[in-house]
N, C-alpha and C. Protein backbone atom coordinates (compact mmCIF):
# COMPACT_ATOMS: atom_id res chain seq x y z
N UNK A 1 0.73 -1.46 0.05
CA UNK A 1 -0.05 -0.16 0.03
C UNK A 1 0.83 1.19 0.12
N UNK A 2 1.76 1.27 0.93
CA UNK A 2 2.72 2.48 0.63
C UNK A 2 3.59 2.62 -0.44
N UNK A 3 3.83 1.65 -1.41
CA UNK A 3 4.55 1.97 -2.64
C UNK A 3 3.55 2.41 -3.70
N UNK A 4 1.90 1.99 -3.37
CA UNK A 4 1.32 2.81 -4.38
C UNK A 4 1.08 4.12 -4.13
N UNK A 5 1.12 4.33 -2.70
CA UNK A 5 0.76 5.86 -2.28
C UNK A 5 2.10 6.78 -2.98
N UNK A 6 3.24 6.17 -2.83
CA UNK A 6 4.04 6.93 -3.45
C UNK A 6 4.41 7.25 -5.01
N UNK A 7 3.80 6.03 -5.60
CA UNK A 7 3.52 6.08 -7.22
C UNK A 7 2.45 7.22 -7.49
N UNK A 8 1.35 7.35 -6.74
CA UNK A 8 0.38 7.99 -6.94
C UNK A 8 1.10 9.65 -6.75
N UNK A 9 1.56 9.79 -5.41
CA UNK A 9 2.28 10.99 -5.35
C UNK A 9 3.11 11.74 -6.43
N UNK A 10 4.20 10.62 -6.94
CA UNK A 10 4.92 10.79 -8.25
C UNK A 10 4.00 11.29 -9.57
N UNK A 11 3.18 10.44 -9.44
CA UNK A 11 2.25 10.91 -10.90
C UNK A 11 1.55 12.30 -10.66
N UNK A 12 1.05 12.53 -9.40
CA UNK A 12 0.31 13.61 -9.22
C UNK A 12 1.48 14.92 -9.48
N UNK A 13 2.59 14.99 -8.88
CA UNK A 13 3.72 15.77 -8.90
C UNK A 13 3.94 16.11 -10.51
N UNK A 14 4.17 15.06 -11.35
CA UNK A 14 4.64 15.14 -12.41
C UNK A 14 3.35 15.83 -13.41
N UNK A 15 2.12 15.38 -13.14
CA UNK A 15 1.08 16.32 -13.67
C UNK A 15 1.16 17.59 -13.27
N UNK A 16 1.25 17.79 -11.92
CA UNK A 16 1.30 19.30 -11.71
C UNK A 16 2.42 19.80 -12.34
N UNK A 17 3.55 19.73 -12.57
CA UNK A 17 4.57 20.16 -13.18
C UNK A 17 4.22 20.45 -14.98
N UNK A 18 3.62 19.49 -15.30
CA UNK A 18 3.21 19.41 -16.81
C UNK A 18 2.26 20.83 -16.99
N UNK A 19 1.11 20.67 -16.25
CA UNK A 19 0.05 21.63 -16.22
C UNK A 19 0.56 22.95 -15.87
N UNK A 20 1.60 23.13 -15.10
CA UNK A 20 2.27 24.28 -14.77
C UNK A 20 3.08 24.93 -16.08
N UNK A 21 3.79 24.06 -16.81
CA UNK A 21 4.23 24.55 -18.11
C UNK A 21 3.57 25.09 -18.87
N UNK A 22 2.27 24.73 -18.91
CA UNK A 22 1.18 24.97 -19.92
C UNK A 22 1.01 26.53 -19.66
N UNK A 23 0.31 26.75 -18.09
CA UNK A 23 0.12 27.78 -17.99
C UNK A 23 1.33 29.13 -18.00
N UNK A 24 2.76 28.58 -18.24
CA UNK A 24 3.64 29.46 -18.70
C UNK A 24 3.42 30.11 -20.19
N UNK A 25 2.88 29.10 -20.79
CA UNK A 25 2.76 29.54 -22.53
C UNK A 25 1.93 30.04 -22.79
N UNK A 26 0.87 30.13 -21.82
CA UNK A 26 -0.64 31.00 -21.96
C UNK A 26 -0.36 32.55 -21.99
N UNK A 27 0.93 33.17 -21.98
CA UNK A 27 0.77 34.60 -21.83
C UNK A 27 1.89 34.94 -23.28
N UNK A 28 1.51 34.14 -24.28
CA UNK A 28 2.26 34.94 -25.33
C UNK A 28 1.73 36.15 -25.81
N UNK A 29 2.86 37.02 -26.52
CA UNK A 29 2.14 37.95 -27.09
C UNK A 29 1.12 38.15 -28.25
N UNK A 30 0.44 39.15 -28.28
CA UNK A 30 -0.50 38.86 -29.60
C UNK A 30 -0.53 40.46 -29.98
N UNK A 31 -0.41 40.76 -31.28
CA UNK A 31 -0.73 42.00 -31.47
C UNK A 31 -1.47 42.24 -32.92
N UNK A 32 -2.22 43.47 -32.59
CA UNK A 32 -3.09 43.51 -33.87
C UNK A 32 -2.96 45.04 -34.39
N UNK A 33 -3.22 45.35 -35.52
CA UNK A 33 -2.74 46.90 -35.97
C UNK A 33 -3.78 47.06 -37.49
N UNK A 34 -4.22 48.31 -37.22
CA UNK A 34 -5.02 49.10 -38.37
C UNK A 34 -5.03 50.07 -38.36
N UNK A 35 -5.34 50.74 -39.77
CA UNK A 35 -5.11 51.64 -40.20
C UNK A 35 -6.55 52.62 -39.48
N UNK A 36 -6.21 53.95 -38.90
CA UNK A 36 -6.88 54.85 -38.44
C UNK A 36 -7.50 55.54 -39.87
N UNK A 37 -6.52 56.29 -40.44
CA UNK A 37 -6.77 56.77 -41.86
C UNK A 37 -5.47 56.51 -42.68
N UNK A 38 -5.59 56.92 -43.87
CA UNK A 38 -4.20 56.83 -44.56
C UNK A 38 -2.71 57.31 -44.14
N UNK A 39 -2.66 58.18 -43.14
CA UNK A 39 -1.28 58.32 -42.55
C UNK A 39 -1.33 57.66 -40.62
N UNK A 40 -2.14 57.24 -40.28
CA UNK A 40 -2.35 56.97 -38.87
C UNK A 40 -2.56 55.40 -38.80
N UNK A 41 -1.61 54.47 -37.86
CA UNK A 41 -1.87 53.51 -37.53
C UNK A 41 -1.76 53.30 -35.80
N UNK A 42 -3.12 52.56 -35.73
CA UNK A 42 -3.16 52.10 -34.04
C UNK A 42 -3.10 50.58 -33.98
N UNK A 43 -1.99 50.28 -32.81
CA UNK A 43 -1.94 48.76 -32.52
C UNK A 43 -2.43 48.75 -31.22
N UNK A 44 -2.62 47.40 -30.99
CA UNK A 44 -3.13 46.63 -29.42
C UNK A 44 -2.26 45.76 -29.17
N UNK A 45 -1.60 45.54 -28.04
CA UNK A 45 -1.01 44.37 -27.55
C UNK A 45 -1.59 44.10 -26.21
N UNK A 46 -1.68 42.59 -26.36
CA UNK A 46 -2.00 41.79 -25.08
C UNK A 46 -1.53 40.36 -25.06
N UNK A 47 -1.76 39.70 -24.09
CA UNK A 47 -1.24 38.10 -23.88
C UNK A 47 -2.39 37.42 -24.72
N UNK A 48 -2.21 36.10 -25.39
CA UNK A 48 -3.17 35.64 -25.96
C UNK A 48 -4.22 34.45 -25.04
N UNK A 49 -4.01 35.17 -23.71
CA UNK A 49 -5.49 34.84 -22.89
C UNK A 49 -6.19 35.73 -23.05
N UNK A 50 -5.93 37.38 -23.12
CA UNK A 50 -6.58 38.40 -23.31
C UNK A 50 -6.17 39.28 -22.07
N UNK A 51 -5.00 39.03 -21.50
CA UNK A 51 -4.63 40.04 -20.25
C UNK A 51 -3.87 41.37 -21.12
N UNK A 52 -4.44 42.61 -20.82
CA UNK A 52 -4.00 43.81 -21.43
C UNK A 52 -2.47 44.03 -20.96
N UNK A 53 -1.73 44.49 -21.58
CA UNK A 53 -0.08 44.84 -21.45
C UNK A 53 0.09 46.20 -21.43
N UNK A 54 -0.34 47.32 -20.74
CA UNK A 54 0.30 48.64 -20.53
C UNK A 54 1.67 48.66 -19.99
N UNK A 55 2.18 49.77 -20.77
CA UNK A 55 3.52 49.74 -21.01
C UNK A 55 4.75 49.10 -21.60
N UNK A 56 3.96 47.84 -22.10
CA UNK A 56 5.11 47.22 -22.88
C UNK A 56 5.22 47.95 -24.41
N UNK A 57 6.39 47.39 -24.86
CA UNK A 57 7.12 48.38 -25.61
C UNK A 57 6.94 47.51 -27.33
N UNK A 58 6.61 48.42 -27.73
CA UNK A 58 6.44 48.26 -29.68
C UNK A 58 7.38 49.06 -30.16
N UNK A 59 7.87 48.72 -31.45
CA UNK A 59 8.82 49.46 -32.53
C UNK A 59 8.39 49.50 -33.85
N UNK A 60 8.34 50.37 -34.30
CA UNK A 60 8.46 50.30 -36.09
C UNK A 60 9.73 50.39 -36.58
N UNK A 61 9.87 49.02 -37.03
CA UNK A 61 11.05 48.86 -37.59
C UNK A 61 11.16 48.89 -39.39
N UNK A 62 11.99 49.68 -40.17
CA UNK A 62 12.21 49.61 -41.26
C UNK A 62 12.86 47.85 -41.64
N UNK A 63 12.64 47.70 -42.98
CA UNK A 63 12.93 46.61 -43.58
C UNK A 63 14.75 46.30 -43.69
N UNK A 64 15.49 47.48 -43.47
CA UNK A 64 16.74 47.04 -43.29
C UNK A 64 17.05 47.12 -41.94
N UNK A 65 16.13 47.23 -40.92
CA UNK A 65 16.59 46.99 -39.79
C UNK A 65 16.55 48.05 -38.81
N UNK A 66 16.60 49.23 -39.42
CA UNK A 66 16.70 50.58 -38.71
C UNK A 66 15.22 50.80 -37.69
N UNK A 67 15.50 51.28 -36.41
CA UNK A 67 14.09 51.40 -35.52
C UNK A 67 13.80 52.81 -36.16
N UNK A 68 12.69 52.96 -36.58
CA UNK A 68 12.26 54.21 -37.31
C UNK A 68 11.53 54.86 -35.88
N UNK A 69 10.48 54.16 -35.23
CA UNK A 69 9.94 54.34 -33.83
C UNK A 69 9.76 53.90 -32.79
N UNK A 70 9.55 54.30 -31.70
CA UNK A 70 9.62 53.46 -30.44
C UNK A 70 8.55 53.95 -29.54
N UNK A 71 7.95 53.20 -28.88
CA UNK A 71 6.65 53.50 -28.00
C UNK A 71 6.06 52.61 -27.04
N UNK A 72 5.45 52.95 -26.19
CA UNK A 72 5.19 52.02 -25.05
C UNK A 72 3.45 51.91 -25.13
N UNK A 73 2.77 50.67 -24.63
CA UNK A 73 1.40 50.81 -24.92
C UNK A 73 0.94 51.67 -23.66
N UNK A 74 -0.21 52.05 -23.89
CA UNK A 74 -0.84 53.17 -22.94
C UNK A 74 -1.79 52.39 -22.21
N UNK A 75 -2.69 53.13 -21.24
CA UNK A 75 -3.27 52.41 -20.07
C UNK A 75 -4.10 51.33 -21.02
N UNK A 76 -4.41 51.57 -22.10
CA UNK A 76 -5.84 50.82 -22.73
C UNK A 76 -4.86 49.82 -23.56
N UNK A 77 -3.50 49.59 -23.33
CA UNK A 77 -2.64 48.63 -24.09
C UNK A 77 -2.80 48.97 -25.53
N UNK A 78 -2.93 50.29 -25.95
CA UNK A 78 -2.72 50.57 -27.42
C UNK A 78 -1.69 51.57 -27.64
N UNK A 79 -0.98 51.60 -29.06
CA UNK A 79 -0.49 52.85 -29.38
C UNK A 79 -0.68 53.03 -30.52
N UNK A 80 -0.83 54.60 -30.89
CA UNK A 80 -0.83 55.03 -32.23
C UNK A 80 0.29 56.17 -32.94
N UNK A 81 0.64 55.56 -34.30
CA UNK A 81 1.76 56.59 -34.30
C UNK A 81 1.65 57.02 -36.01
N UNK A 82 2.21 57.31 -36.62
CA UNK A 82 2.44 58.01 -37.85
C UNK A 82 2.97 56.85 -38.97
N UNK A 83 2.08 56.48 -39.95
CA UNK A 83 2.58 55.52 -40.80
C UNK A 83 3.82 55.96 -41.49
N UNK A 84 5.22 55.46 -41.53
CA UNK A 84 6.12 55.78 -42.16
C UNK A 84 5.96 55.37 -43.88
N UNK A 85 6.90 56.38 -44.37
CA UNK A 85 6.51 56.26 -45.98
C UNK A 85 7.05 55.35 -46.49
N UNK A 86 8.27 54.56 -45.88
CA UNK A 86 9.24 53.62 -46.25
C UNK A 86 8.35 52.21 -45.82
N UNK A 87 8.97 51.08 -46.43
CA UNK A 87 8.40 49.84 -45.68
C UNK A 87 8.87 49.58 -44.20
N UNK A 88 7.68 48.87 -43.75
CA UNK A 88 7.99 48.75 -42.45
C UNK A 88 7.66 47.50 -41.88
N UNK A 89 7.75 47.03 -40.34
CA UNK A 89 7.08 46.00 -39.37
C UNK A 89 7.16 46.64 -38.17
N UNK A 90 6.08 46.21 -37.29
CA UNK A 90 5.61 46.37 -36.08
C UNK A 90 6.24 45.26 -35.37
N UNK A 91 7.02 45.66 -34.21
CA UNK A 91 7.66 44.50 -33.29
C UNK A 91 7.04 44.67 -31.95
N UNK A 92 6.20 43.90 -31.17
CA UNK A 92 5.94 43.79 -29.99
C UNK A 92 6.51 43.00 -29.37
N UNK A 93 7.49 43.59 -28.26
CA UNK A 93 8.24 42.90 -27.72
C UNK A 93 7.87 43.03 -26.00
N UNK A 94 7.97 41.82 -25.31
CA UNK A 94 7.16 41.69 -24.08
C UNK A 94 8.30 41.09 -23.07
N UNK A 95 9.70 40.83 -23.75
CA UNK A 95 10.72 40.12 -23.14
C UNK A 95 11.21 39.01 -23.69
N UNK A 96 12.69 38.77 -23.33
CA UNK A 96 13.18 37.42 -24.23
C UNK A 96 12.38 36.54 -24.44
N UNK A 97 12.60 36.24 -26.07
CA UNK A 97 11.88 34.89 -26.23
C UNK A 97 10.03 35.39 -26.55
N UNK A 98 9.70 36.80 -26.03
CA UNK A 98 8.20 37.17 -26.11
C UNK A 98 8.20 37.93 -27.13
N UNK A 99 8.20 37.81 -28.50
CA UNK A 99 7.81 39.01 -29.45
C UNK A 99 6.96 38.51 -30.41
N UNK A 100 6.28 39.46 -31.12
CA UNK A 100 5.70 39.16 -32.16
C UNK A 100 5.53 40.39 -33.24
N UNK A 101 5.59 39.83 -34.39
CA UNK A 101 5.54 41.17 -35.65
C UNK A 101 4.33 41.16 -36.20
N UNK A 102 4.21 42.35 -36.52
CA UNK A 102 2.90 42.73 -37.40
C UNK A 102 3.53 42.98 -38.80
N UNK A 103 3.39 42.44 -39.67
CA UNK A 103 4.00 43.00 -41.01
C UNK A 103 3.03 44.14 -41.74
N UNK A 104 3.65 44.72 -42.60
CA UNK A 104 2.74 46.35 -43.18
C UNK A 104 1.69 45.64 -44.03
N UNK A 105 1.69 44.77 -44.41
CA UNK A 105 0.85 44.23 -45.46
C UNK A 105 -0.57 43.83 -44.86
N UNK A 106 -0.17 43.23 -43.46
CA UNK A 106 -1.48 43.14 -42.53
C UNK A 106 -1.87 44.14 -41.67
N UNK A 107 -1.63 45.29 -42.20
CA UNK A 107 -1.95 46.49 -41.55
C UNK A 107 -3.37 47.28 -42.63
N UNK A 108 -4.31 47.02 -42.38
CA UNK A 108 -5.49 47.52 -43.13
C UNK A 108 -6.44 48.27 -42.52
N UNK A 109 -7.45 48.57 -42.99
CA UNK A 109 -8.65 49.08 -42.28
C UNK A 109 -9.28 48.14 -41.79
N UNK A 110 -10.02 48.21 -40.32
CA UNK A 110 -11.06 47.31 -40.12
C UNK A 110 -12.02 47.09 -41.11
N UNK A 111 -12.52 45.70 -40.74
CA UNK A 111 -13.73 45.19 -41.48
C UNK A 111 -14.87 46.14 -41.44
N UNK A 112 -15.48 46.45 -42.45
CA UNK A 112 -16.50 47.33 -42.36
C UNK A 112 -17.47 46.71 -41.17
N UNK A 113 -18.25 47.54 -40.59
CA UNK A 113 -19.02 47.21 -39.43
C UNK A 113 -18.48 46.11 -37.98
N UNK A 114 -16.97 46.28 -37.95
CA UNK A 114 -16.43 45.06 -37.35
C UNK A 114 -15.16 45.80 -36.66
N UNK A 115 -15.14 47.22 -36.39
CA UNK A 115 -14.46 47.80 -36.18
C UNK A 115 -14.27 47.53 -34.31
N UNK A 116 -12.95 47.24 -34.09
CA UNK A 116 -12.66 46.61 -32.57
C UNK A 116 -13.17 47.94 -31.81
N UNK A 117 -13.52 47.61 -30.63
CA UNK A 117 -13.78 48.78 -29.49
C UNK A 117 -12.27 49.55 -29.09
N UNK A 118 -11.18 48.94 -29.31
CA UNK A 118 -9.91 49.89 -28.93
C UNK A 118 -9.51 50.58 -30.28
N UNK A 119 -10.32 50.14 -31.04
CA UNK A 119 -10.02 51.24 -32.63
C UNK A 119 -10.81 52.67 -32.43
N UNK A 120 -12.13 52.53 -31.68
CA UNK A 120 -13.05 53.53 -31.96
C UNK A 120 -12.56 54.87 -30.87
N UNK A 121 -12.37 55.61 -31.95
CA UNK A 121 -12.18 57.12 -30.86
C UNK A 121 -13.40 57.41 -30.04
N UNK A 122 -13.02 58.22 -28.87
CA UNK A 122 -13.64 58.75 -27.85
C UNK A 122 -14.63 59.36 -28.12
């Protein structure tokens, strides 16, 4: 009986560690960017489980690797910037190994009638 209890305890510990590692993966960054108008872009950064990330860093980077703009997400986890004239992408960086990019081609006008709340101007 004692051996069975030890085996059960080991299995429960292993299961706990496995589930704990899944929880760590639940905070991967997610970024969306849309055009506000022809010259302005608004991006929102969050975790993949919906947690907002005010203060997190975003950069606009030229295709040659030059940083064009840097900013931090506001209290509403958004950042608005002037669209550069040259080709670019947006980097959302929340720490080592936790980065996501939004390519310029992905930055479009929101679908008609489906504008996210964070895109609406007050």
